[in-house]
Structures are given as C-alpha cells and as structure tokens.
Amino acid sequence: MMPLSMARPGETVIIRKITGKDEVRQHLAELGFVVDCAVTVVSELAGNLILQVKDSRVALDKTMANRIMI
C-alpha cells in the first residue's frame, strides 16, 4: 500500500484504507472517499491533488491525500 499522494495524474486507483481520527475519516467518507472506491487523479500541483470521485471532482491537500492508502 502507498498513500494517494503518490499516484500520478491520469491514474485510476482503488482505495484500500483510510487512516486518521474518526472525524477525518467521516469527512473523507462524506466527500466520497470510501474503501474499495475507484478514484482518478485529474491533476497534481505541489502535492495537492484534484480527484475524480464518482461523479464529482474534489481537491485534497497533501496532508489529507497522505491519509488515503491505495
């Protein structure tokens, strides 16, 4: 497993684990980041990511992306 921040733009990955406190995991789940969900990296700038999750695009900073394991 590796953090989502290591994925390259254009790559589609499957979420395997989400780490962090309950509030953080709940917030990510509300954004659509759940285990076994496919996520596509749209673009990356200085470690910050724009991701395609289900039918929406979400921006995550590097800290949050490091909590999502793929």
PDB file of N, CA and C in Angstrom:
ATOM      1  N   MET A   1       0.839  -1.190   0.000  1.00  0.00           N
ATOM      2  CA  MET A   1       0.000   0.000   0.000  1.00  0.00           C
ATOM      3  C   MET A   1       0.879   1.248   0.000  1.00  0.00           C
ATOM      4  N   MET A   2       0.339   2.294  -0.605  1.00  0.00           N
ATOM      5  CA  MET A   2       1.036   3.580  -0.615  1.00  0.00           C
ATOM      6  C   MET A   2      -0.008   4.694  -0.510  1.00  0.00           C
ATOM      7  N   PRO A   3       0.421   5.893  -0.092  1.00  0.00           N
ATOM      8  CA  PRO A   3      -0.558   6.986   0.021  1.00  0.00           C
ATOM      9  C   PRO A   3      -1.045   7.471  -1.343  1.00  0.00           C
ATOM     10  N   LEU A   4      -2.243   8.009  -1.374  1.00  0.00           N
ATOM     11  CA  LEU A   4      -2.843   8.527  -2.610  1.00  0.00           C
ATOM     12  C   LEU A   4      -1.981   9.623  -3.231  1.00  0.00           C
ATOM     13  N   SER A   5      -1.238  10.342  -2.407  1.00  0.00           N
ATOM     14  CA  SER A   5      -0.388  11.432  -2.913  1.00  0.00           C
ATOM     15  C   SER A   5       0.706  10.929  -3.856  1.00  0.00           C
ATOM     16  N   MET A   6       0.976   9.622  -3.862  1.00  0.00           N
ATOM     17  CA  MET A   6       1.999   9.041  -4.742  1.00  0.00           C
ATOM     18  C   MET A   6       1.443   8.683  -6.126  1.00  0.00           C
ATOM     19  N   ALA A   7       0.121   8.719  -6.301  1.00  0.00           N
ATOM     20  CA  ALA A   7      -0.486   8.371  -7.592  1.00  0.00           C
ATOM     21  C   ALA A   7      -0.199   9.465  -8.619  1.00  0.00           C
ATOM     22  N   ARG A   8      -0.066   9.066  -9.873  1.00  0.00           N
ATOM     23  CA  ARG A   8       0.242  10.009 -10.959  1.00  0.00           C
ATOM     24  C   ARG A   8      -1.033  10.522 -11.615  1.00  0.00           C
ATOM     25  N   PRO A   9      -0.983  11.728 -12.187  1.00  0.00           N
ATOM     26  CA  PRO A   9      -2.158  12.242 -12.914  1.00  0.00           C
ATOM     27  C   PRO A   9      -2.573  11.287 -14.031  1.00  0.00           C
ATOM     28  N   GLY A  10      -3.879  11.072 -14.164  1.00  0.00           N
ATOM     29  CA  GLY A  10      -4.409  10.161 -15.163  1.00  0.00           C
ATOM     30  C   GLY A  10      -4.581   8.743 -14.654  1.00  0.00           C
ATOM     31  N   GLU A  11      -4.016   8.445 -13.505  1.00  0.00           N
ATOM     32  CA  GLU A  11      -4.069   7.095 -12.944  1.00  0.00           C
ATOM     33  C   GLU A  11      -5.372   6.899 -12.165  1.00  0.00           C
ATOM     34  N   THR A  12      -5.991   5.735 -12.324  1.00  0.00           N
ATOM     35  CA  THR A  12      -7.178   5.374 -11.545  1.00  0.00           C
ATOM     36  C   THR A  12      -6.764   4.314 -10.544  1.00  0.00           C
ATOM     37  N   VAL A  13      -7.075   4.555  -9.285  1.00  0.00           N
ATOM     38  CA  VAL A  13      -6.651   3.655  -8.201  1.00  0.00           C
ATOM     39  C   VAL A  13      -7.853   3.279  -7.339  1.00  0.00           C
ATOM     40  N   ILE A  14      -7.691   2.233  -6.539  1.00  0.00           N
ATOM     41  CA  ILE A  14      -8.729   1.768  -5.627  1.00  0.00           C
ATOM     42  C   ILE A  14      -8.281   2.075  -4.193  1.00  0.00           C
ATOM     43  N   ILE A  15      -9.159   2.681  -3.405  1.00  0.00           N
ATOM     44  CA  ILE A  15      -8.839   2.994  -2.007  1.00  0.00           C
ATOM     45  C   ILE A  15      -8.851   1.707  -1.196  1.00  0.00           C
ATOM     46  N   ARG A  16      -7.774   1.467  -0.447  1.00  0.00           N
ATOM     47  CA  ARG A  16      -7.649   0.259   0.366  1.00  0.00           C
ATOM     48  C   ARG A  16      -7.854   0.524   1.850  1.00  0.00           C
ATOM     49  N   LYS A  17      -7.475   1.723   2.323  1.00  0.00           N
ATOM     50  CA  LYS A  17      -7.559   2.020   3.747  1.00  0.00           C
ATOM     51  C   LYS A  17      -7.548   3.537   3.929  1.00  0.00           C
ATOM     52  N   ILE A  18      -8.267   4.024   4.946  1.00  0.00           N
ATOM     53  CA  ILE A  18      -8.247   5.446   5.275  1.00  0.00           C
ATOM     54  C   ILE A  18      -7.840   5.566   6.734  1.00  0.00           C
ATOM     55  N   THR A  19      -6.767   6.330   6.982  1.00  0.00           N
ATOM     56  CA  THR A  19      -6.237   6.475   8.334  1.00  0.00           C
ATOM     57  C   THR A  19      -6.626   7.831   8.909  1.00  0.00           C
ATOM     58  N   GLY A  20      -6.360   8.010  10.187  1.00  0.00           N
ATOM     59  CA  GLY A  20      -6.645   9.286  10.839  1.00  0.00           C
ATOM     60  C   GLY A  20      -7.736   9.141  11.886  1.00  0.00           C
ATOM     61  N   LYS A  21      -8.061  10.279  12.521  1.00  0.00           N
ATOM     62  CA  LYS A  21      -9.101  10.291  13.554  1.00  0.00           C
ATOM     63  C   LYS A  21     -10.472  10.048  12.926  1.00  0.00           C
ATOM     64  N   ASP A  22     -11.423   9.687  13.779  1.00  0.00           N
ATOM     65  CA  ASP A  22     -12.782   9.395  13.313  1.00  0.00           C
ATOM     66  C   ASP A  22     -13.384  10.567  12.538  1.00  0.00           C
ATOM     67  N   GLU A  23     -13.148  11.806  13.031  1.00  0.00           N
ATOM     68  CA  GLU A  23     -13.719  12.973  12.360  1.00  0.00           C
ATOM     69  C   GLU A  23     -13.161  13.119  10.940  1.00  0.00           C
ATOM     70  N   VAL A  24     -11.868  12.853  10.786  1.00  0.00           N
ATOM     71  CA  VAL A  24     -11.217  12.966   9.474  1.00  0.00           C
ATOM     72  C   VAL A  24     -11.757  11.901   8.530  1.00  0.00           C
ATOM     73  N   ARG A  25     -11.860  10.669   9.018  1.00  0.00           N
ATOM     74  CA  ARG A  25     -12.372   9.574   8.187  1.00  0.00           C
ATOM     75  C   ARG A  25     -13.823   9.830   7.790  1.00  0.00           C
ATOM     76  N   GLN A  26     -14.615  10.380   8.720  1.00  0.00           N
ATOM     77  CA  GLN A  26     -16.015  10.689   8.432  1.00  0.00           C
ATOM     78  C   GLN A  26     -16.107  11.773   7.356  1.00  0.00           C
ATOM     79  N   HIS A  27     -15.271  12.805   7.479  1.00  0.00           N
ATOM     80  CA  HIS A  27     -15.271  13.896   6.495  1.00  0.00           C
ATOM     81  C   HIS A  27     -14.914  13.373   5.103  1.00  0.00           C
ATOM     82  N   LEU A  28     -13.889  12.530   5.017  1.00  0.00           N
ATOM     83  CA  LEU A  28     -13.491  11.963   3.727  1.00  0.00           C
ATOM     84  C   LEU A  28     -14.595  11.076   3.161  1.00  0.00           C
ATOM     85  N   ALA A  29     -15.276  10.328   4.026  1.00  0.00           N
ATOM     86  CA  ALA A  29     -16.378   9.476   3.575  1.00  0.00           C
ATOM     87  C   ALA A  29     -17.510  10.332   2.994  1.00  0.00           C
ATOM     88  N   GLU A  30     -17.777  11.485   3.622  1.00  0.00           N
ATOM     89  CA  GLU A  30     -18.825  12.377   3.115  1.00  0.00           C
ATOM     90  C   GLU A  30     -18.463  12.953   1.751  1.00  0.00           C
ATOM     91  N   LEU A  31     -17.156  13.086   1.483  1.00  0.00           N
ATOM     92  CA  LEU A  31     -16.706  13.570   0.180  1.00  0.00           C
ATOM     93  C   LEU A  31     -16.714  12.466  -0.877  1.00  0.00           C
ATOM     94  N   GLY A  32     -16.894  11.208  -0.447  1.00  0.00           N
ATOM     95  CA  GLY A  32     -16.954  10.087  -1.385  1.00  0.00           C
ATOM     96  C   GLY A  32     -15.764   9.158  -1.319  1.00  0.00           C
ATOM     97  N   PHE A  33     -14.833   9.423  -0.414  1.00  0.00           N
ATOM     98  CA  PHE A  33     -13.651   8.579  -0.287  1.00  0.00           C
ATOM     99  C   PHE A  33     -13.936   7.447   0.691  1.00  0.00           C
ATOM    100  N   VAL A  34     -14.317   6.293   0.140  1.00  0.00           N
ATOM    101  CA  VAL A  34     -14.605   5.112   0.951  1.00  0.00           C
ATOM    102  C   VAL A  34     -13.777   3.939   0.428  1.00  0.00           C
ATOM    103  N   VAL A  35     -13.559   2.948   1.294  1.00  0.00           N
ATOM    104  CA  VAL A  35     -12.754   1.780   0.935  1.00  0.00           C
ATOM    105  C   VAL A  35     -13.392   1.049  -0.248  1.00  0.00           C
ATOM    106  N   ASP A  36     -12.554   0.565  -1.161  1.00  0.00           N
ATOM    107  CA  ASP A  36     -12.935  -0.157  -2.379  1.00  0.00           C
ATOM    108  C   ASP A  36     -13.575   0.742  -3.436  1.00  0.00           C
ATOM    109  N   CYS A  37     -13.437   2.054  -3.293  1.00  0.00           N
ATOM    110  CA  CYS A  37     -13.957   3.018  -4.270  1.00  0.00           C
ATOM    111  C   CYS A  37     -12.837   3.385  -5.246  1.00  0.00           C
ATOM    112  N   ALA A  38     -13.177   3.532  -6.521  1.00  0.00           N
ATOM    113  CA  ALA A  38     -12.192   3.934  -7.533  1.00  0.00           C
ATOM    114  C   ALA A  38     -12.071   5.451  -7.546  1.00  0.00           C
ATOM    115  N   VAL A  39     -10.828   5.941  -7.616  1.00  0.00           N
ATOM    116  CA  VAL A  39     -10.539   7.375  -7.641  1.00  0.00           C
ATOM    117  C   VAL A  39      -9.565   7.627  -8.782  1.00  0.00           C
ATOM    118  N   THR A  40      -9.828   8.666  -9.589  1.00  0.00           N
ATOM    119  CA  THR A  40      -8.927   9.030 -10.681  1.00  0.00           C
ATOM    120  C   THR A  40      -8.249  10.353 -10.350  1.00  0.00           C
ATOM    121  N   VAL A  41      -6.922  10.383 -10.493  1.00  0.00           N
ATOM    122  CA  VAL A  41      -6.169  11.612 -10.267  1.00  0.00           C
ATOM    123  C   VAL A  41      -6.276  12.461 -11.530  1.00  0.00           C
ATOM    124  N   VAL A  42      -6.903  13.632 -11.424  1.00  0.00           N
ATOM    125  CA  VAL A  42      -7.070  14.528 -12.567  1.00  0.00           C
ATOM    126  C   VAL A  42      -5.801  15.352 -12.762  1.00  0.00           C
ATOM    127  N   SER A  43      -5.326  15.976 -11.682  1.00  0.00           N
ATOM    128  CA  SER A  43      -4.086  16.752 -11.766  1.00  0.00           C
ATOM    129  C   SER A  43      -3.437  16.859 -10.397  1.00  0.00           C
ATOM    130  N   GLU A  44      -2.158  17.261 -10.403  1.00  0.00           N
ATOM    131  CA  GLU A  44      -1.384  17.374  -9.174  1.00  0.00           C
ATOM    132  C   GLU A  44      -0.519  18.619  -9.266  1.00  0.00           C
ATOM    133  N   LEU A  45      -0.482  19.402  -8.181  1.00  0.00           N
ATOM    134  CA  LEU A  45       0.344  20.596  -8.135  1.00  0.00           C
ATOM    135  C   LEU A  45       0.910  20.728  -6.721  1.00  0.00           C
ATOM    136  N   ALA A  46       2.220  20.597  -6.597  1.00  0.00           N
ATOM    137  CA  ALA A  46       2.916  20.707  -5.305  1.00  0.00           C
ATOM    138  C   ALA A  46       2.351  19.742  -4.259  1.00  0.00           C
ATOM    139  N   GLY A  47       1.965  18.553  -4.680  1.00  0.00           N
ATOM    140  CA  GLY A  47       1.453  17.550  -3.760  1.00  0.00           C
ATOM    141  C   GLY A  47      -0.042  17.624  -3.527  1.00  0.00           C
ATOM    142  N   ASN A  48      -0.669  18.730  -3.925  1.00  0.00           N
ATOM    143  CA  ASN A  48      -2.118  18.867  -3.794  1.00  0.00           C
ATOM    144  C   ASN A  48      -2.775  18.231  -5.017  1.00  0.00           C
ATOM    145  N   LEU A  49      -3.884  17.529  -4.798  1.00  0.00           N
ATOM    146  CA  LEU A  49      -4.496  16.738  -5.863  1.00  0.00           C
ATOM    147  C   LEU A  49      -5.910  17.196  -6.196  1.00  0.00           C
ATOM    148  N   ILE A  50      -6.264  17.088  -7.468  1.00  0.00           N
ATOM    149  CA  ILE A  50      -7.654  17.191  -7.892  1.00  0.00           C
ATOM    150  C   ILE A  50      -8.044  15.788  -8.331  1.00  0.00           C
ATOM    151  N   LEU A  51      -9.113  15.271  -7.719  1.00  0.00           N
ATOM    152  CA  LEU A  51      -9.503  13.880  -7.906  1.00  0.00           C
ATOM    153  C   LEU A  51     -10.918  13.767  -8.435  1.00  0.00           C
ATOM    154  N   GLN A  52     -11.136  12.765  -9.283  1.00  0.00           N
ATOM    155  CA  GLN A  52     -12.474  12.437  -9.767  1.00  0.00           C
ATOM    156  C   GLN A  52     -12.982  11.297  -8.892  1.00  0.00           C
ATOM    157  N   VAL A  53     -14.029  11.579  -8.113  1.00  0.00           N
ATOM    158  CA  VAL A  53     -14.623  10.567  -7.232  1.00  0.00           C
ATOM    159  C   VAL A  53     -16.085  10.449  -7.606  1.00  0.00           C
ATOM    160  N   LYS A  54     -16.487   9.265  -8.043  1.00  0.00           N
ATOM    161  CA  LYS A  54     -17.839   9.046  -8.532  1.00  0.00           C
ATOM    162  C   LYS A  54     -18.142  10.080  -9.620  1.00  0.00           C
ATOM    163  N   ASP A  55     -19.123  10.963  -9.424  1.00  0.00           N
ATOM    164  CA  ASP A  55     -19.463  11.933 -10.474  1.00  0.00           C
ATOM    165  C   ASP A  55     -19.013  13.349 -10.154  1.00  0.00           C
ATOM    166  N   SER A  56     -18.069  13.502  -9.234  1.00  0.00           N
ATOM    167  CA  SER A  56     -17.645  14.858  -8.874  1.00  0.00           C
ATOM    168  C   SER A  56     -16.124  14.948  -8.769  1.00  0.00           C
ATOM    169  N   ARG A  57     -15.631  16.181  -8.831  1.00  0.00           N
ATOM    170  CA  ARG A  57     -14.203  16.432  -8.672  1.00  0.00           C
ATOM    171  C   ARG A  57     -13.974  17.075  -7.316  1.00  0.00           C
ATOM    172  N   VAL A  58     -12.956  16.596  -6.628  1.00  0.00           N
ATOM    173  CA  VAL A  58     -12.649  17.062  -5.278  1.00  0.00           C
ATOM    174  C   VAL A  58     -11.170  17.414  -5.206  1.00  0.00           C
ATOM    175  N   ALA A  59     -10.855  18.531  -4.548  1.00  0.00           N
ATOM    176  CA  ALA A  59      -9.461  18.912  -4.334  1.00  0.00           C
ATOM    177  C   ALA A  59      -9.060  18.491  -2.920  1.00  0.00           C
ATOM    178  N   LEU A  60      -7.894  17.869  -2.806  1.00  0.00           N
ATOM    179  CA  LEU A  60      -7.367  17.473  -1.496  1.00  0.00           C
ATOM    180  C   LEU A  60      -5.948  17.992  -1.347  1.00  0.00           C
ATOM    181  N   ASP A  61      -5.619  18.474  -0.156  1.00  0.00           N
ATOM    182  CA  ASP A  61      -4.238  18.880   0.070  1.00  0.00           C
ATOM    183  C   ASP A  61      -3.391  17.641   0.360  1.00  0.00           C
ATOM    184  N   LYS A  62      -2.091  17.837   0.380  1.00  0.00           N
ATOM    185  CA  LYS A  62      -1.156  16.717   0.521  1.00  0.00           C
ATOM    186  C   LYS A  62      -1.373  15.958   1.830  1.00  0.00           C
ATOM    187  N   THR A  63      -1.670  16.683   2.912  1.00  0.00           N
ATOM    188  CA  THR A  63      -1.870  16.045   4.221  1.00  0.00           C
ATOM    189  C   THR A  63      -3.029  15.058   4.176  1.00  0.00           C
ATOM    190  N   MET A  64      -4.157  15.481   3.600  1.00  0.00           N
ATOM    191  CA  MET A  64      -5.322  14.604   3.515  1.00  0.00           C
ATOM    192  C   MET A  64      -5.065  13.447   2.555  1.00  0.00           C
ATOM    193  N   ALA A  65      -4.395  13.720   1.445  1.00  0.00           N
ATOM    194  CA  ALA A  65      -4.094  12.665   0.468  1.00  0.00           C
ATOM    195  C   ALA A  65      -3.194  11.601   1.076  1.00  0.00           C
ATOM    196  N   ASN A  66      -2.337  11.972   2.012  1.00  0.00           N
ATOM    197  CA  ASN A  66      -1.447  11.003   2.666  1.00  0.00           C
ATOM    198  C   ASN A  66      -2.209  10.071   3.603  1.00  0.00           C
ATOM    199  N   ARG A  67      -3.415  10.432   4.008  1.00  0.00           N
ATOM    200  CA  ARG A  67      -4.214   9.589   4.899  1.00  0.00           C
ATOM    201  C   ARG A  67      -4.963   8.511   4.133  1.00  0.00           C
ATOM    202  N   ILE A  68      -5.062   8.662   2.811  1.00  0.00           N
ATOM    203  CA  ILE A  68      -5.787   7.685   1.988  1.00  0.00           C
ATOM    204  C   ILE A  68      -4.779   6.732   1.380  1.00  0.00           C
ATOM    205  N   MET A  69      -4.883   5.457   1.714  1.00  0.00           N
ATOM    206  CA  MET A  69      -3.949   4.446   1.229  1.00  0.00           C
ATOM    207  C   MET A  69      -4.549   3.700   0.040  1.00  0.00           C
ATOM    208  N   ILE A  70      -3.692   3.493  -0.988  1.00  0.00           N
ATOM    209  CA  ILE A  70      -4.142   2.788  -2.196  1.00  0.00           C
ATOM    210  C   ILE A  70      -3.309   1.540  -2.403  1.00  0.00           C
TER     211      ILE A  70
END
